[in-house]
Every structure is written in C-alpha cells, then in structure tokens.
Amino acid sequence: MNEPEVVQNYKSKLEQGLKQIISIQDNIEEQWEKGKAVIHAAAEQEFGEMESQRPKTWFEEECQNATENKNIAYRKLQ
C-alpha cells in the first residue's frame, strides 16, 4: 500500500483493538475470535471490502479425463 495515511490509520486501529483484547481475561479461543474480528473490521474500514477472486484451477480437463479413466479401470477390477 502506497498511501502512508491509510496504513497508519490501519495500524492505529489494530493496536487499539488488540490492546483492548489483551486486557480482557477471556480464554484463548475467545481472544482469538475477538482478535480476528478486530483485524477484519480495521481492514474493511481502511481498505474497503475486497472482491473475492476465483482461484485459478489446476484441475484441468486432462486431469479430469485421467481421473475418470482411473475410476473406470478401478470399477472393472471389482
């Protein structure tokens, strides 16, 4: 990120939120969930909601055909 003000605001929000969580005497699972929520909220406030990108698939037609042929051969053996 090349915008120092946005980065600084994000860091400040993280520090404030995480300090509050550390001072609370919850169990570790509750602290983790609260910490995760603080990170997500700070990121969304400063950077906005990100569009999810579709992952590139490595399982292409050739792999699918090989798997289908393997399954057919396996069924013939049974």
PDB file of N, CA and C in Angstrom:
ATOM      1  N   MET A   1       0.851  -1.167   0.000  1.00  0.00           N
ATOM      2  CA  MET A   1       0.000   0.000   0.000  1.00  0.00           C
ATOM      3  C   MET A   1       0.893   1.224   0.000  1.00  0.00           C
ATOM      4  N   ASN A   2       0.650   2.132  -0.905  1.00  0.00           N
ATOM      5  CA  ASN A   2       1.482   3.321  -1.063  1.00  0.00           C
ATOM      6  C   ASN A   2       0.891   4.567  -0.428  1.00  0.00           C
ATOM      7  N   GLU A   3      -0.158   4.417   0.358  1.00  0.00           N
ATOM      8  CA  GLU A   3      -0.780   5.565   1.000  1.00  0.00           C
ATOM      9  C   GLU A   3      -0.461   5.532   2.492  1.00  0.00           C
ATOM     10  N   PRO A   4       0.553   6.291   2.903  1.00  0.00           N
ATOM     11  CA  PRO A   4       1.014   6.228   4.304  1.00  0.00           C
ATOM     12  C   PRO A   4      -0.072   6.531   5.322  1.00  0.00           C
ATOM     13  N   GLU A   5      -0.976   7.448   5.008  1.00  0.00           N
ATOM     14  CA  GLU A   5      -2.030   7.810   5.964  1.00  0.00           C
ATOM     15  C   GLU A   5      -2.972   6.629   6.210  1.00  0.00           C
ATOM     16  N   VAL A   6      -3.335   5.930   5.149  1.00  0.00           N
ATOM     17  CA  VAL A   6      -4.227   4.775   5.282  1.00  0.00           C
ATOM     18  C   VAL A   6      -3.536   3.673   6.088  1.00  0.00           C
ATOM     19  N   VAL A   7      -2.270   3.441   5.781  1.00  0.00           N
ATOM     20  CA  VAL A   7      -1.516   2.411   6.505  1.00  0.00           C
ATOM     21  C   VAL A   7      -1.412   2.775   7.983  1.00  0.00           C
ATOM     22  N   GLN A   8      -1.126   4.034   8.271  1.00  0.00           N
ATOM     23  CA  GLN A   8      -1.012   4.470   9.664  1.00  0.00           C
ATOM     24  C   GLN A   8      -2.347   4.329  10.398  1.00  0.00           C
ATOM     25  N   ASN A   9      -3.459   4.703   9.746  1.00  0.00           N
ATOM     26  CA  ASN A   9      -4.778   4.536  10.365  1.00  0.00           C
ATOM     27  C   ASN A   9      -5.066   3.073  10.658  1.00  0.00           C
ATOM     28  N   TYR A  10      -4.720   2.199   9.724  1.00  0.00           N
ATOM     29  CA  TYR A  10      -4.933   0.755   9.907  1.00  0.00           C
ATOM     30  C   TYR A  10      -4.129   0.254  11.101  1.00  0.00           C
ATOM     31  N   LYS A  11      -2.863   0.636  11.156  1.00  0.00           N
ATOM     32  CA  LYS A  11      -2.011   0.212  12.271  1.00  0.00           C
ATOM     33  C   LYS A  11      -2.559   0.697  13.610  1.00  0.00           C
ATOM     34  N   SER A  12      -3.028   1.944  13.630  1.00  0.00           N
ATOM     35  CA  SER A  12      -3.568   2.508  14.876  1.00  0.00           C
ATOM     36  C   SER A  12      -4.810   1.743  15.335  1.00  0.00           C
ATOM     37  N   LYS A  13      -5.698   1.463  14.389  1.00  0.00           N
ATOM     38  CA  LYS A  13      -6.919   0.726  14.744  1.00  0.00           C
ATOM     39  C   LYS A  13      -6.587  -0.672  15.241  1.00  0.00           C
ATOM     40  N   LEU A  14      -5.616  -1.297  14.614  1.00  0.00           N
ATOM     41  CA  LEU A  14      -5.204  -2.629  15.069  1.00  0.00           C
ATOM     42  C   LEU A  14      -4.646  -2.566  16.483  1.00  0.00           C
ATOM     43  N   GLU A  15      -3.755  -1.636  16.723  1.00  0.00           N
ATOM     44  CA  GLU A  15      -3.141  -1.514  18.045  1.00  0.00           C
ATOM     45  C   GLU A  15      -4.196  -1.276  19.126  1.00  0.00           C
ATOM     46  N   GLN A  16      -5.122  -0.358  18.862  1.00  0.00           N
ATOM     47  CA  GLN A  16      -6.165  -0.042  19.848  1.00  0.00           C
ATOM     48  C   GLN A  16      -7.038  -1.264  20.131  1.00  0.00           C
ATOM     49  N   GLY A  17      -7.496  -1.909  19.064  1.00  0.00           N
ATOM     50  CA  GLY A  17      -8.377  -3.058  19.231  1.00  0.00           C
ATOM     51  C   GLY A  17      -7.696  -4.222  19.911  1.00  0.00           C
ATOM     52  N   LEU A  18      -6.459  -4.494  19.528  1.00  0.00           N
ATOM     53  CA  LEU A  18      -5.753  -5.641  20.103  1.00  0.00           C
ATOM     54  C   LEU A  18      -5.352  -5.393  21.557  1.00  0.00           C
ATOM     55  N   LYS A  19      -5.035  -4.145  21.901  1.00  0.00           N
ATOM     56  CA  LYS A  19      -4.728  -3.829  23.303  1.00  0.00           C
ATOM     57  C   LYS A  19      -5.934  -4.095  24.194  1.00  0.00           C
ATOM     58  N   GLN A  20      -7.118  -3.761  23.701  1.00  0.00           N
ATOM     59  CA  GLN A  20      -8.333  -3.999  24.482  1.00  0.00           C
ATOM     60  C   GLN A  20      -8.547  -5.495  24.696  1.00  0.00           C
ATOM     61  N   ILE A  21      -8.279  -6.282  23.700  1.00  0.00           N
ATOM     62  CA  ILE A  21      -8.484  -7.728  23.793  1.00  0.00           C
ATOM     63  C   ILE A  21      -7.506  -8.346  24.776  1.00  0.00           C
ATOM     64  N   ILE A  22      -6.257  -7.906  24.734  1.00  0.00           N
ATOM     65  CA  ILE A  22      -5.234  -8.463  25.627  1.00  0.00           C
ATOM     66  C   ILE A  22      -5.575  -8.195  27.078  1.00  0.00           C
ATOM     67  N   SER A  23      -6.183  -7.037  27.371  1.00  0.00           N
ATOM     68  CA  SER A  23      -6.507  -6.687  28.749  1.00  0.00           C
ATOM     69  C   SER A  23      -7.703  -7.467  29.295  1.00  0.00           C
ATOM     70  N   ILE A  24      -8.496  -8.066  28.426  1.00  0.00           N
ATOM     71  CA  ILE A  24      -9.663  -8.834  28.860  1.00  0.00           C
ATOM     72  C   ILE A  24      -9.209 -10.242  29.231  1.00  0.00           C
ATOM     73  N   GLN A  25      -9.760 -10.781  30.286  1.00  0.00           N
ATOM     74  CA  GLN A  25      -9.343 -12.090  30.780  1.00  0.00           C
ATOM     75  C   GLN A  25     -10.217 -13.214  30.219  1.00  0.00           C
ATOM     76  N   ASP A  26     -10.351 -13.284  28.906  1.00  0.00           N
ATOM     77  CA  ASP A  26     -11.089 -14.367  28.266  1.00  0.00           C
ATOM     78  C   ASP A  26     -10.154 -15.548  28.042  1.00  0.00           C
ATOM     79  N   ASN A  27     -10.750 -16.676  27.683  1.00  0.00           N
ATOM     80  CA  ASN A  27      -9.891 -17.797  27.320  1.00  0.00           C
ATOM     81  C   ASN A  27      -9.296 -17.534  25.942  1.00  0.00           C
ATOM     82  N   ILE A  28      -8.323 -18.309  25.557  1.00  0.00           N
ATOM     83  CA  ILE A  28      -7.565 -18.043  24.339  1.00  0.00           C
ATOM     84  C   ILE A  28      -8.430 -18.117  23.086  1.00  0.00           C
ATOM     85  N   GLU A  29      -9.432 -19.013  23.061  1.00  0.00           N
ATOM     86  CA  GLU A  29     -10.306 -19.112  21.895  1.00  0.00           C
ATOM     87  C   GLU A  29     -11.125 -17.839  21.698  1.00  0.00           C
ATOM     88  N   GLU A  30     -11.640 -17.309  22.801  1.00  0.00           N
ATOM     89  CA  GLU A  30     -12.419 -16.073  22.720  1.00  0.00           C
ATOM     90  C   GLU A  30     -11.539 -14.900  22.317  1.00  0.00           C
ATOM     91  N   GLN A  31     -10.304 -14.856  22.842  1.00  0.00           N
ATOM     92  CA  GLN A  31      -9.378 -13.797  22.447  1.00  0.00           C
ATOM     93  C   GLN A  31      -9.056 -13.890  20.954  1.00  0.00           C
ATOM     94  N   TRP A  32      -8.863 -15.117  20.461  1.00  0.00           N
ATOM     95  CA  TRP A  32      -8.565 -15.293  19.045  1.00  0.00           C
ATOM     96  C   TRP A  32      -9.722 -14.788  18.176  1.00  0.00           C
ATOM     97  N   GLU A  33     -10.942 -15.162  18.518  1.00  0.00           N
ATOM     98  CA  GLU A  33     -12.103 -14.739  17.735  1.00  0.00           C
ATOM     99  C   GLU A  33     -12.250 -13.218  17.750  1.00  0.00           C
ATOM    100  N   LYS A  34     -12.059 -12.621  18.919  1.00  0.00           N
ATOM    101  CA  LYS A  34     -12.156 -11.164  19.018  1.00  0.00           C
ATOM    102  C   LYS A  34     -11.029 -10.494  18.233  1.00  0.00           C
ATOM    103  N   GLY A  35      -9.819 -11.059  18.307  1.00  0.00           N
ATOM    104  CA  GLY A  35      -8.686 -10.517  17.555  1.00  0.00           C
ATOM    105  C   GLY A  35      -8.916 -10.589  16.061  1.00  0.00           C
ATOM    106  N   LYS A  36      -9.451 -11.707  15.610  1.00  0.00           N
ATOM    107  CA  LYS A  36      -9.752 -11.872  14.196  1.00  0.00           C
ATOM    108  C   LYS A  36     -10.780 -10.836  13.748  1.00  0.00           C
ATOM    109  N   ALA A  37     -11.779 -10.607  14.578  1.00  0.00           N
ATOM    110  CA  ALA A  37     -12.813  -9.624  14.253  1.00  0.00           C
ATOM    111  C   ALA A  37     -12.223  -8.218  14.178  1.00  0.00           C
ATOM    112  N   VAL A  38     -11.302  -7.891  15.077  1.00  0.00           N
ATOM    113  CA  VAL A  38     -10.659  -6.573  15.069  1.00  0.00           C
ATOM    114  C   VAL A  38      -9.867  -6.389  13.777  1.00  0.00           C
ATOM    115  N   ILE A  39      -9.117  -7.414  13.376  1.00  0.00           N
ATOM    116  CA  ILE A  39      -8.302  -7.335  12.157  1.00  0.00           C
ATOM    117  C   ILE A  39      -9.197  -7.140  10.934  1.00  0.00           C
ATOM    118  N   HIS A  40     -10.251  -7.927  10.847  1.00  0.00           N
ATOM    119  CA  HIS A  40     -11.155  -7.819   9.698  1.00  0.00           C
ATOM    120  C   HIS A  40     -11.851  -6.451   9.655  1.00  0.00           C
ATOM    121  N   ALA A  41     -12.309  -5.983  10.807  1.00  0.00           N
ATOM    122  CA  ALA A  41     -13.016  -4.702  10.850  1.00  0.00           C
ATOM    123  C   ALA A  41     -12.081  -3.553  10.474  1.00  0.00           C
ATOM    124  N   ALA A  42     -10.859  -3.562  11.002  1.00  0.00           N
ATOM    125  CA  ALA A  42      -9.908  -2.487  10.689  1.00  0.00           C
ATOM    126  C   ALA A  42      -9.563  -2.492   9.203  1.00  0.00           C
ATOM    127  N   ALA A  43      -9.362  -3.671   8.644  1.00  0.00           N
ATOM    128  CA  ALA A  43      -9.030  -3.768   7.219  1.00  0.00           C
ATOM    129  C   ALA A  43     -10.188  -3.290   6.358  1.00  0.00           C
ATOM    130  N   GLU A  44     -11.390  -3.689   6.713  1.00  0.00           N
ATOM    131  CA  GLU A  44     -12.554  -3.279   5.918  1.00  0.00           C
ATOM    132  C   GLU A  44     -12.773  -1.769   5.996  1.00  0.00           C
ATOM    133  N   GLN A  45     -12.574  -1.186   7.189  1.00  0.00           N
ATOM    134  CA  GLN A  45     -12.753   0.261   7.348  1.00  0.00           C
ATOM    135  C   GLN A  45     -11.730   1.048   6.539  1.00  0.00           C
ATOM    136  N   GLU A  46     -10.503   0.586   6.525  1.00  0.00           N
ATOM    137  CA  GLU A  46      -9.440   1.346   5.855  1.00  0.00           C
ATOM    138  C   GLU A  46      -9.290   1.020   4.377  1.00  0.00           C
ATOM    139  N   PHE A  47      -9.476  -0.231   4.024  1.00  0.00           N
ATOM    140  CA  PHE A  47      -9.222  -0.644   2.640  1.00  0.00           C
ATOM    141  C   PHE A  47     -10.490  -0.950   1.862  1.00  0.00           C
ATOM    142  N   GLY A  48     -11.611  -1.058   2.561  1.00  0.00           N
ATOM    143  CA  GLY A  48     -12.862  -1.401   1.901  1.00  0.00           C
ATOM    144  C   GLY A  48     -12.994  -2.905   1.732  1.00  0.00           C
ATOM    145  N   GLU A  49     -14.162  -3.302   1.294  1.00  0.00           N
ATOM    146  CA  GLU A  49     -14.422  -4.732   1.122  1.00  0.00           C
ATOM    147  C   GLU A  49     -13.790  -5.181  -0.191  1.00  0.00           C
ATOM    148  N   MET A  50     -13.053  -6.261  -0.121  1.00  0.00           N
ATOM    149  CA  MET A  50     -12.368  -6.782  -1.299  1.00  0.00           C
ATOM    150  C   MET A  50     -13.276  -7.753  -2.034  1.00  0.00           C
ATOM    151  N   GLU A  51     -13.220  -7.698  -3.357  1.00  0.00           N
ATOM    152  CA  GLU A  51     -13.947  -8.669  -4.152  1.00  0.00           C
ATOM    153  C   GLU A  51     -13.180  -9.979  -4.113  1.00  0.00           C
ATOM    154  N   SER A  52     -13.889 -11.059  -3.891  1.00  0.00           N
ATOM    155  CA  SER A  52     -13.201 -12.349  -3.886  1.00  0.00           C
ATOM    156  C   SER A  52     -12.862 -12.723  -5.318  1.00  0.00           C
ATOM    157  N   GLN A  53     -11.673 -13.223  -5.472  1.00  0.00           N
ATOM    158  CA  GLN A  53     -11.227 -13.634  -6.793  1.00  0.00           C
ATOM    159  C   GLN A  53     -11.347 -15.141  -6.899  1.00  0.00           C
ATOM    160  N   ARG A  54     -11.786 -15.579  -8.028  1.00  0.00           N
ATOM    161  CA  ARG A  54     -11.926 -17.007  -8.255  1.00  0.00           C
ATOM    162  C   ARG A  54     -10.527 -17.614  -8.376  1.00  0.00           C
ATOM    163  N   PRO A  55     -10.249 -18.624  -7.569  1.00  0.00           N
ATOM    164  CA  PRO A  55      -8.912 -19.218  -7.643  1.00  0.00           C
ATOM    165  C   PRO A  55      -8.677 -19.885  -8.998  1.00  0.00           C
ATOM    166  N   LYS A  56      -7.441 -19.819  -9.432  1.00  0.00           N
ATOM    167  CA  LYS A  56      -7.107 -20.480 -10.686  1.00  0.00           C
ATOM    168  C   LYS A  56      -7.114 -21.984 -10.436  1.00  0.00           C
ATOM    169  N   THR A  57      -7.729 -22.686 -11.339  1.00  0.00           N
ATOM    170  CA  THR A  57      -7.859 -24.119 -11.143  1.00  0.00           C
ATOM    171  C   THR A  57      -6.691 -24.850 -11.785  1.00  0.00           C
ATOM    172  N   TRP A  58      -6.150 -25.772 -11.061  1.00  0.00           N
ATOM    173  CA  TRP A  58      -5.074 -26.597 -11.602  1.00  0.00           C
ATOM    174  C   TRP A  58      -5.648 -27.889 -12.145  1.00  0.00           C
ATOM    175  N   PHE A  59      -6.883 -28.182 -11.786  1.00  0.00           N
ATOM    176  CA  PHE A  59      -7.521 -29.429 -12.193  1.00  0.00           C
ATOM    177  C   PHE A  59      -8.191 -29.196 -13.534  1.00  0.00           C
ATOM    178  N   GLU A  60      -7.416 -29.365 -14.572  1.00  0.00           N
ATOM    179  CA  GLU A  60      -7.909 -29.083 -15.907  1.00  0.00           C
ATOM    180  C   GLU A  60      -8.530 -30.328 -16.532  1.00  0.00           C
ATOM    181  N   GLU A  61      -8.961 -30.181 -17.765  1.00  0.00           N
ATOM    182  CA  GLU A  61      -9.641 -31.257 -18.481  1.00  0.00           C
ATOM    183  C   GLU A  61      -8.781 -32.522 -18.554  1.00  0.00           C
ATOM    184  N   GLU A  62      -7.501 -32.346 -18.775  1.00  0.00           N
ATOM    185  CA  GLU A  62      -6.614 -33.513 -18.875  1.00  0.00           C
ATOM    186  C   GLU A  62      -6.598 -34.304 -17.562  1.00  0.00           C
ATOM    187  N   CYS A  63      -6.523 -33.607 -16.455  1.00  0.00           N
ATOM    188  CA  CYS A  63      -6.546 -34.265 -15.145  1.00  0.00           C
ATOM    189  C   CYS A  63      -7.898 -34.946 -14.915  1.00  0.00           C
ATOM    190  N   GLN A  64      -8.965 -34.263 -15.289  1.00  0.00           N
ATOM    191  CA  GLN A  64     -10.300 -34.823 -15.099  1.00  0.00           C
ATOM    192  C   GLN A  64     -10.463 -36.103 -15.920  1.00  0.00           C
ATOM    193  N   ASN A  65      -9.992 -36.098 -17.164  1.00  0.00           N
ATOM    194  CA  ASN A  65     -10.072 -37.298 -18.005  1.00  0.00           C
ATOM    195  C   ASN A  65      -9.253 -38.437 -17.411  1.00  0.00           C
ATOM    196  N   ALA A  66      -8.079 -38.145 -16.929  1.00  0.00           N
ATOM    197  CA  ALA A  66      -7.232 -39.175 -16.322  1.00  0.00           C
ATOM    198  C   ALA A  66      -7.917 -39.774 -15.101  1.00  0.00           C
ATOM    199  N   THR A  67      -8.537 -38.938 -14.292  1.00  0.00           N
ATOM    200  CA  THR A  67      -9.238 -39.424 -13.096  1.00  0.00           C
ATOM    201  C   THR A  67     -10.433 -40.292 -13.488  1.00  0.00           C
ATOM    202  N   GLU A  68     -11.183 -39.872 -14.475  1.00  0.00           N
ATOM    203  CA  GLU A  68     -12.327 -40.675 -14.925  1.00  0.00           C
ATOM    204  C   GLU A  68     -11.867 -42.024 -15.464  1.00  0.00           C
ATOM    205  N   ASN A  69     -10.800 -42.048 -16.237  1.00  0.00           N
ATOM    206  CA  ASN A  69     -10.261 -43.313 -16.761  1.00  0.00           C
ATOM    207  C   ASN A  69      -9.778 -44.216 -15.633  1.00  0.00           C
ATOM    208  N   LYS A  70      -9.147 -43.640 -14.635  1.00  0.00           N
ATOM    209  CA  LYS A  70      -8.700 -44.409 -13.467  1.00  0.00           C
ATOM    210  C   LYS A  70      -9.895 -45.031 -12.758  1.00  0.00           C
ATOM    211  N   ASN A  71     -10.947 -44.235 -12.565  1.00  0.00           N
ATOM    212  CA  ASN A  71     -12.138 -44.729 -11.877  1.00  0.00           C
ATOM    213  C   ASN A  71     -12.825 -45.840 -12.664  1.00  0.00           C
ATOM    214  N   ILE A  72     -12.881 -45.706 -13.984  1.00  0.00           N
ATOM    215  CA  ILE A  72     -13.476 -46.749 -14.822  1.00  0.00           C
ATOM    216  C   ILE A  72     -12.675 -48.041 -14.701  1.00  0.00           C
ATOM    217  N   ALA A  73     -11.348 -47.919 -14.763  1.00  0.00           N
ATOM    218  CA  ALA A  73     -10.488 -49.093 -14.643  1.00  0.00           C
ATOM    219  C   ALA A  73     -10.653 -49.742 -13.266  1.00  0.00           C
ATOM    220  N   TYR A  74     -10.771 -48.945 -12.223  1.00  0.00           N
ATOM    221  CA  TYR A  74     -10.948 -49.467 -10.870  1.00  0.00           C
ATOM    222  C   TYR A  74     -12.265 -50.230 -10.758  1.00  0.00           C
ATOM    223  N   ARG A  75     -13.335 -49.670 -11.315  1.00  0.00           N
ATOM    224  CA  ARG A  75     -14.636 -50.342 -11.253  1.00  0.00           C
ATOM    225  C   ARG A  75     -14.631 -51.673 -12.007  1.00  0.00           C
ATOM    226  N   LYS A  76     -13.876 -51.766 -13.081  1.00  0.00           N
ATOM    227  CA  LYS A  76     -13.776 -53.003 -13.833  1.00  0.00           C
ATOM    228  C   LYS A  76     -13.084 -54.092 -13.025  1.00  0.00           C
ATOM    229  N   LEU A  77     -12.183 -53.725 -12.156  1.00  0.00           N
ATOM    230  CA  LEU A  77     -11.453 -54.693 -11.334  1.00  0.00           C
ATOM    231  C   LEU A  77     -12.318 -55.252 -10.207  1.00  0.00           C
ATOM    232  N   GLN A  78     -13.363 -54.582  -9.836  1.00  0.00           N
ATOM    233  CA  GLN A  78     -14.194 -55.024  -8.707  1.00  0.00           C
ATOM    234  C   GLN A  78     -15.198 -56.053  -9.134  1.00  0.00           C
TER     235      GLN A  78
END
